[in-house]
Amino acid sequence: MIGFYRANGFGEPSETPDRDLGVELMWLRLDLTTTT
């Protein structure tokens, strides 16, 4: 599910993949902190 999150929030390819990666890592970090 995390992989579908993008900078634009709709799962569409973004023109800034580096920023997308940062957003995915942020969501992953939030997911880990909320599930533990």
C-alpha atoms as a PDB file:
ATOM      1  CA  MET A   1       0.000   0.000   0.000  1.00  0.00           C
ATOM      2  CA  ILE A   2       2.857   2.358   0.814  1.00  0.00           C
ATOM      3  CA  GLY A   3       4.221   2.007  -2.727  1.00  0.00           C
ATOM      4  CA  PHE A   4       1.112   3.646  -4.148  1.00  0.00           C
ATOM      5  CA  TYR A   5       1.725   6.913  -2.354  1.00  0.00           C
ATOM      6  CA  ARG A   6       3.322   9.580  -4.520  1.00  0.00           C
ATOM      7  CA  ALA A   7       4.138  13.243  -4.148  1.00  0.00           C
ATOM      8  CA  ASN A   8       0.847  14.112  -5.834  1.00  0.00           C
ATOM      9  CA  GLY A   9      -1.036  11.745  -3.518  1.00  0.00           C
ATOM     10  CA  PHE A  10      -2.833   9.869  -6.295  1.00  0.00           C
ATOM     11  CA  GLY A  11      -0.314   7.159  -7.141  1.00  0.00           C
ATOM     12  CA  GLU A  12       0.494   8.656 -10.516  1.00  0.00           C
ATOM     13  CA  PRO A  13       4.100   8.903 -11.739  1.00  0.00           C
ATOM     14  CA  SER A  14       5.681  12.139 -10.609  1.00  0.00           C
ATOM     15  CA  GLU A  15       8.245  14.311 -12.353  1.00  0.00           C
ATOM     16  CA  THR A  16      10.331  14.207  -9.170  1.00  0.00           C
ATOM     17  CA  PRO A  17      11.029  10.540  -8.322  1.00  0.00           C
ATOM     18  CA  ASP A  18      13.560  11.536  -5.663  1.00  0.00           C
ATOM     19  CA  ARG A  19      10.885  13.472  -3.835  1.00  0.00           C
ATOM     20  CA  ASP A  20       8.505  10.526  -4.281  1.00  0.00           C
ATOM     21  CA  LEU A  21      10.994   8.274  -2.558  1.00  0.00           C
ATOM     22  CA  GLY A  22      11.203  10.692   0.353  1.00  0.00           C
ATOM     23  CA  VAL A  23       7.413  10.757   0.610  1.00  0.00           C
ATOM     24  CA  GLU A  24       7.234   6.953   0.559  1.00  0.00           C
ATOM     25  CA  LEU A  25       9.885   6.716   3.271  1.00  0.00           C
ATOM     26  CA  MET A  26       7.931   9.236   5.339  1.00  0.00           C
ATOM     27  CA  TRP A  27       4.731   7.218   4.984  1.00  0.00           C
ATOM     28  CA  LEU A  28       6.604   4.019   5.784  1.00  0.00           C
ATOM     29  CA  ARG A  29       8.040   5.626   8.902  1.00  0.00           C
ATOM     30  CA  LEU A  30       4.577   6.796   9.967  1.00  0.00           C
ATOM     31  CA  ASP A  31       3.164   3.328   9.296  1.00  0.00           C
ATOM     32  CA  LEU A  32       5.844   1.692  11.414  1.00  0.00           C
ATOM     33  CA  THR A  33       5.321   4.088  14.301  1.00  0.00           C
ATOM     34  CA  THR A  34       1.546   3.701  14.288  1.00  0.00           C
ATOM     35  CA  THR A  35       1.523  -0.095  14.055  1.00  0.00           C
ATOM     36  CA  THR A  36       3.928  -0.722  16.913  1.00  0.00           C
END
